């Protein structure tokens, strides 16, 4: 299954709620992802621009998009993004494919 990285920023109201009543968001995320047929590998809380980062394995892009839509529709996040990840083995295949087709591309000014 493909891997994805989901990053998100909680709304101020969500953060206030978590401070007032701590809640295991990893358990909630795991339940959603498993209901969609995926697997949550890790959910990290973090400093910086994002509040959470989740490493997820999902059957396909549509499944991952469905999960992101559910989270977005819930109103708990003020923003987020999903990045599709590749294993090193998948990247090697892409590099080999690029090497074979690179002669077909003419760069700007070339």
N, C-alpha and C. Protein backbone atom coordinates (compact mmCIF):
# COMPACT_ATOMS: atom_id res chain seq x y z
N UNK A 1 0.84 -1.19 0.00
CA UNK A 1 0.00 0.00 0.00
C UNK A 1 0.88 1.24 0.00
N UNK A 2 0.45 2.30 -0.67
CA UNK A 2 1.20 3.55 -0.66
C UNK A 2 1.25 4.20 0.73
N UNK A 3 2.29 4.98 0.95
CA UNK A 3 2.47 5.72 2.19
C UNK A 3 2.14 7.19 1.96
N UNK A 4 1.61 7.83 2.99
CA UNK A 4 1.25 9.24 2.94
C UNK A 4 1.68 9.92 4.24
N UNK A 5 1.99 11.20 4.15
CA UNK A 5 2.24 12.01 5.33
C UNK A 5 1.15 13.07 5.38
N UNK A 6 0.39 13.05 6.45
CA UNK A 6 -0.64 14.07 6.66
C UNK A 6 -0.14 15.03 7.73
N UNK A 7 -0.19 16.32 7.43
CA UNK A 7 0.17 17.33 8.42
C UNK A 7 -1.06 18.20 8.66
N UNK A 8 -1.22 18.65 9.90
CA UNK A 8 -2.38 19.46 10.20
C UNK A 8 -2.15 20.45 11.32
N UNK A 9 -2.96 21.50 11.28
CA UNK A 9 -2.94 22.56 12.30
C UNK A 9 -4.33 22.62 12.93
N UNK A 10 -4.36 22.47 14.24
CA UNK A 10 -5.63 22.54 14.97
C UNK A 10 -6.14 23.98 15.02
N UNK A 11 -7.44 24.12 15.08
CA UNK A 11 -8.03 25.45 15.32
C UNK A 11 -7.74 25.84 16.77
N UNK A 12 -7.87 27.11 17.07
CA UNK A 12 -7.68 27.59 18.44
C UNK A 12 -8.67 26.89 19.37
N UNK A 13 -9.90 26.73 18.93
CA UNK A 13 -10.91 26.06 19.75
C UNK A 13 -10.52 24.61 20.04
N UNK A 14 -9.95 23.92 19.06
CA UNK A 14 -9.52 22.53 19.27
C UNK A 14 -8.39 22.46 20.29
N UNK A 15 -7.44 23.38 20.19
CA UNK A 15 -6.32 23.40 21.15
C UNK A 15 -6.84 23.69 22.55
N UNK A 16 -7.75 24.65 22.67
CA UNK A 16 -8.33 24.95 23.99
C UNK A 16 -9.01 23.71 24.57
N UNK A 17 -9.71 22.98 23.74
CA UNK A 17 -10.39 21.78 24.18
C UNK A 17 -9.39 20.70 24.64
N UNK A 18 -8.29 20.54 23.89
CA UNK A 18 -7.28 19.55 24.26
C UNK A 18 -6.56 19.91 25.55
N UNK A 19 -6.37 21.21 25.79
CA UNK A 19 -5.74 21.66 27.03
C UNK A 19 -6.69 21.43 28.21
N UNK A 20 -7.97 21.76 28.01
CA UNK A 20 -8.96 21.61 29.09
C UNK A 20 -9.24 20.14 29.40
N UNK A 21 -9.31 19.32 28.33
CA UNK A 21 -9.59 17.90 28.49
C UNK A 21 -8.72 17.12 27.52
N UNK A 22 -7.50 16.73 27.94
CA UNK A 22 -6.61 15.96 27.05
C UNK A 22 -7.33 14.74 26.46
N UNK A 23 -7.06 14.51 25.19
CA UNK A 23 -7.76 13.47 24.43
C UNK A 23 -6.74 12.74 23.57
N UNK A 24 -6.80 11.43 23.53
CA UNK A 24 -5.87 10.62 22.74
C UNK A 24 -6.25 10.69 21.27
N UNK A 25 -5.67 11.62 20.57
CA UNK A 25 -6.00 11.82 19.16
C UNK A 25 -5.43 10.72 18.27
N UNK A 26 -4.38 10.05 18.75
CA UNK A 26 -3.84 8.92 17.97
C UNK A 26 -4.89 7.81 17.87
N UNK A 27 -5.57 7.51 18.95
CA UNK A 27 -6.61 6.48 18.93
C UNK A 27 -7.74 6.87 17.97
N UNK A 28 -8.14 8.13 17.99
CA UNK A 28 -9.20 8.60 17.10
C UNK A 28 -8.77 8.51 15.64
N UNK A 29 -7.53 8.92 15.36
CA UNK A 29 -7.02 8.86 13.98
C UNK A 29 -6.91 7.41 13.52
N UNK A 30 -6.41 6.54 14.38
CA UNK A 30 -6.25 5.12 14.03
C UNK A 30 -7.61 4.50 13.67
N UNK A 31 -8.64 4.81 14.46
CA UNK A 31 -9.98 4.27 14.21
C UNK A 31 -10.49 4.70 12.84
N UNK A 32 -10.31 5.98 12.49
CA UNK A 32 -10.75 6.48 11.19
C UNK A 32 -9.98 5.81 10.06
N UNK A 33 -8.67 5.78 10.17
CA UNK A 33 -7.85 5.23 9.10
C UNK A 33 -8.13 3.74 8.90
N UNK A 34 -8.29 3.00 9.98
CA UNK A 34 -8.61 1.58 9.86
C UNK A 34 -9.99 1.37 9.26
N UNK A 35 -10.95 2.24 9.57
CA UNK A 35 -12.29 2.15 8.99
C UNK A 35 -12.25 2.33 7.47
N UNK A 36 -11.24 3.06 6.99
CA UNK A 36 -11.07 3.29 5.55
C UNK A 36 -10.20 2.22 4.90
N UNK A 37 -9.70 1.26 5.69
CA UNK A 37 -8.88 0.19 5.13
C UNK A 37 -7.39 0.48 5.15
N UNK A 38 -6.98 1.50 5.89
CA UNK A 38 -5.57 1.88 5.96
C UNK A 38 -4.94 1.51 7.29
N UNK A 39 -3.71 1.98 7.47
CA UNK A 39 -2.97 1.72 8.71
C UNK A 39 -2.25 2.99 9.13
N UNK A 40 -2.43 3.37 10.40
CA UNK A 40 -1.69 4.50 10.96
C UNK A 40 -0.41 3.95 11.56
N UNK A 41 0.73 4.41 11.05
CA UNK A 41 2.02 3.97 11.58
C UNK A 41 2.43 4.81 12.77
N UNK A 42 2.26 6.12 12.67
CA UNK A 42 2.62 7.03 13.75
C UNK A 42 1.80 8.30 13.65
N UNK A 43 1.50 8.87 14.80
CA UNK A 43 0.94 10.22 14.88
C UNK A 43 1.84 10.99 15.83
N UNK A 44 2.43 12.05 15.34
CA UNK A 44 3.34 12.87 16.13
C UNK A 44 2.73 14.24 16.36
N UNK A 45 2.84 14.75 17.58
CA UNK A 45 2.57 16.16 17.84
C UNK A 45 3.90 16.87 17.66
N UNK A 46 3.89 18.10 17.16
CA UNK A 46 5.16 18.74 16.84
C UNK A 46 5.11 20.24 17.07
N UNK A 47 6.29 20.82 17.12
CA UNK A 47 6.45 22.27 17.18
C UNK A 47 6.50 22.79 15.75
N UNK A 48 6.30 24.07 15.57
CA UNK A 48 6.45 24.67 14.25
C UNK A 48 5.12 25.00 13.61
N UNK A 49 5.10 24.99 12.31
CA UNK A 49 3.92 25.39 11.54
C UNK A 49 2.75 24.43 11.77
N UNK A 50 3.04 23.14 11.90
CA UNK A 50 2.00 22.13 12.06
C UNK A 50 1.93 21.64 13.50
N UNK A 51 0.75 21.18 13.89
CA UNK A 51 0.55 20.62 15.22
C UNK A 51 0.71 19.11 15.24
N UNK A 52 0.36 18.47 14.12
CA UNK A 52 0.47 17.02 14.04
C UNK A 52 1.04 16.59 12.69
N UNK A 53 1.71 15.46 12.71
CA UNK A 53 2.16 14.78 11.49
C UNK A 53 1.79 13.32 11.66
N UNK A 54 1.14 12.74 10.66
CA UNK A 54 0.76 11.34 10.71
C UNK A 54 1.37 10.60 9.52
N UNK A 55 1.95 9.45 9.79
CA UNK A 55 2.46 8.57 8.74
C UNK A 55 1.43 7.47 8.55
N UNK A 56 0.86 7.43 7.36
CA UNK A 56 -0.29 6.58 7.07
C UNK A 56 -0.02 5.72 5.85
N UNK A 57 -0.48 4.49 5.91
CA UNK A 57 -0.46 3.59 4.75
C UNK A 57 -1.93 3.41 4.35
N UNK A 58 -2.25 3.69 3.09
CA UNK A 58 -3.64 3.60 2.63
C UNK A 58 -3.68 2.86 1.29
N UNK A 59 -4.80 2.23 0.99
CA UNK A 59 -4.89 1.45 -0.25
C UNK A 59 -4.65 2.26 -1.53
N UNK A 60 -5.08 3.54 -1.53
CA UNK A 60 -4.95 4.35 -2.74
C UNK A 60 -5.20 5.82 -2.42
N UNK A 61 -5.01 6.66 -3.43
CA UNK A 61 -5.18 8.11 -3.25
C UNK A 61 -6.61 8.47 -2.86
N UNK A 62 -7.60 7.78 -3.44
CA UNK A 62 -8.99 8.09 -3.14
C UNK A 62 -9.30 7.84 -1.66
N UNK A 63 -8.75 6.77 -1.12
CA UNK A 63 -8.95 6.46 0.30
C UNK A 63 -8.34 7.54 1.17
N UNK A 64 -7.13 7.96 0.83
CA UNK A 64 -6.46 9.00 1.62
C UNK A 64 -7.23 10.32 1.51
N UNK A 65 -7.72 10.63 0.32
CA UNK A 65 -8.51 11.85 0.13
C UNK A 65 -9.80 11.78 0.96
N UNK A 66 -10.42 10.62 1.04
CA UNK A 66 -11.64 10.47 1.84
C UNK A 66 -11.35 10.78 3.31
N UNK A 67 -10.24 10.28 3.82
CA UNK A 67 -9.87 10.57 5.20
C UNK A 67 -9.62 12.04 5.43
N UNK A 68 -8.92 12.67 4.50
CA UNK A 68 -8.64 14.10 4.62
C UNK A 68 -9.93 14.91 4.55
N UNK A 69 -10.87 14.47 3.73
CA UNK A 69 -12.16 15.17 3.64
C UNK A 69 -12.94 15.05 4.94
N UNK A 70 -12.91 13.88 5.56
CA UNK A 70 -13.61 13.69 6.83
C UNK A 70 -13.03 14.61 7.90
N UNK A 71 -11.70 14.65 7.98
CA UNK A 71 -11.03 15.53 8.95
C UNK A 71 -11.35 17.00 8.66
N UNK A 72 -11.26 17.39 7.39
CA UNK A 72 -11.54 18.77 7.00
C UNK A 72 -12.97 19.17 7.32
N UNK A 73 -13.91 18.27 7.07
CA UNK A 73 -15.32 18.56 7.32
C UNK A 73 -15.64 18.64 8.80
N UNK A 74 -14.80 18.05 9.65
CA UNK A 74 -15.07 18.05 11.09
C UNK A 74 -14.87 19.43 11.72
N UNK A 75 -14.07 20.28 11.09
CA UNK A 75 -13.83 21.62 11.60
C UNK A 75 -12.77 21.72 12.69
N UNK A 76 -12.09 20.60 13.02
CA UNK A 76 -11.08 20.64 14.10
C UNK A 76 -9.74 21.20 13.64
N UNK A 77 -9.53 21.24 12.34
CA UNK A 77 -8.25 21.72 11.80
C UNK A 77 -8.44 23.06 11.11
N UNK A 78 -7.41 23.91 11.23
CA UNK A 78 -7.43 25.18 10.51
C UNK A 78 -6.72 25.06 9.18
N UNK A 79 -6.05 23.94 8.95
CA UNK A 79 -5.36 23.70 7.70
C UNK A 79 -4.61 22.39 7.77
N UNK A 80 -4.20 21.92 6.62
CA UNK A 80 -3.46 20.67 6.56
C UNK A 80 -3.06 20.35 5.15
N UNK A 81 -2.27 19.30 5.02
CA UNK A 81 -1.88 18.85 3.69
C UNK A 81 -1.53 17.38 3.72
N UNK A 82 -1.61 16.76 2.56
CA UNK A 82 -1.27 15.35 2.41
C UNK A 82 -0.17 15.24 1.37
N UNK A 83 0.89 14.53 1.71
CA UNK A 83 2.00 14.29 0.79
C UNK A 83 2.12 12.79 0.54
N UNK A 84 2.09 12.39 -0.71
CA UNK A 84 2.29 10.98 -1.03
C UNK A 84 3.79 10.70 -0.95
N UNK A 85 4.14 9.59 -0.31
CA UNK A 85 5.54 9.24 -0.12
C UNK A 85 5.91 8.04 -0.98
N UNK A 86 7.21 7.93 -1.29
CA UNK A 86 7.72 6.78 -2.03
C UNK A 86 8.82 6.12 -1.21
N UNK A 87 8.87 4.80 -1.29
CA UNK A 87 9.97 4.09 -0.66
C UNK A 87 11.22 4.31 -1.50
N UNK A 88 12.38 3.97 -0.96
CA UNK A 88 13.62 4.09 -1.72
C UNK A 88 13.57 3.20 -2.96
N UNK A 89 12.98 2.03 -2.84
CA UNK A 89 12.86 1.11 -3.98
C UNK A 89 12.00 1.73 -5.09
N UNK A 90 10.89 2.37 -4.70
CA UNK A 90 10.04 3.04 -5.68
C UNK A 90 10.76 4.21 -6.33
N UNK A 91 11.54 4.94 -5.55
CA UNK A 91 12.30 6.07 -6.09
C UNK A 91 13.34 5.58 -7.09
N UNK A 92 13.98 4.45 -6.81
CA UNK A 92 14.98 3.88 -7.74
C UNK A 92 14.31 3.54 -9.08
N UNK A 93 13.12 2.97 -9.04
CA UNK A 93 12.38 2.67 -10.28
C UNK A 93 12.11 3.96 -11.06
N UNK A 94 11.72 5.01 -10.34
CA UNK A 94 11.45 6.30 -10.98
C UNK A 94 12.71 6.87 -11.61
N UNK A 95 13.84 6.75 -10.90
CA UNK A 95 15.11 7.24 -11.44
C UNK A 95 15.49 6.50 -12.71
N UNK A 96 15.31 5.19 -12.72
CA UNK A 96 15.63 4.39 -13.92
C UNK A 96 14.72 4.77 -15.08
N UNK A 97 13.44 4.97 -14.79
CA UNK A 97 12.49 5.37 -15.83
C UNK A 97 12.85 6.75 -16.38
N UNK A 98 13.24 7.67 -15.49
CA UNK A 98 13.64 9.01 -15.92
C UNK A 98 14.89 8.94 -16.80
N UNK A 99 15.83 8.09 -16.42
CA UNK A 99 17.06 7.93 -17.22
C UNK A 99 16.76 7.47 -18.63
N UNK A 100 15.81 6.57 -18.78
CA UNK A 100 15.45 6.03 -20.10
C UNK A 100 14.73 7.06 -20.97
N UNK A 101 13.94 7.94 -20.32
CA UNK A 101 13.13 8.90 -21.09
C UNK A 101 13.74 10.30 -21.15
N UNK A 102 14.85 10.53 -20.51
CA UNK A 102 15.39 11.90 -20.40
C UNK A 102 15.75 12.51 -21.74
N UNK A 103 16.11 11.72 -22.73
CA UNK A 103 16.45 12.26 -24.04
C UNK A 103 15.25 12.83 -24.78
N UNK A 104 14.03 12.51 -24.35
CA UNK A 104 12.82 12.99 -25.02
C UNK A 104 12.45 14.40 -24.58
N UNK A 105 13.12 14.94 -23.56
CA UNK A 105 12.77 16.25 -23.02
C UNK A 105 13.75 17.29 -23.50
N UNK A 106 13.21 18.42 -24.00
CA UNK A 106 14.05 19.55 -24.40
C UNK A 106 13.84 20.66 -23.38
N UNK A 107 14.89 20.99 -22.61
CA UNK A 107 14.75 22.05 -21.60
C UNK A 107 14.57 23.43 -22.22
N UNK A 108 14.05 24.35 -21.46
CA UNK A 108 13.88 25.73 -21.90
C UNK A 108 15.26 26.27 -22.33
N UNK A 109 15.28 26.90 -23.48
CA UNK A 109 16.53 27.47 -23.99
C UNK A 109 17.49 26.45 -24.56
N UNK A 110 17.09 25.19 -24.56
CA UNK A 110 18.00 24.11 -25.03
C UNK A 110 17.79 23.70 -26.44
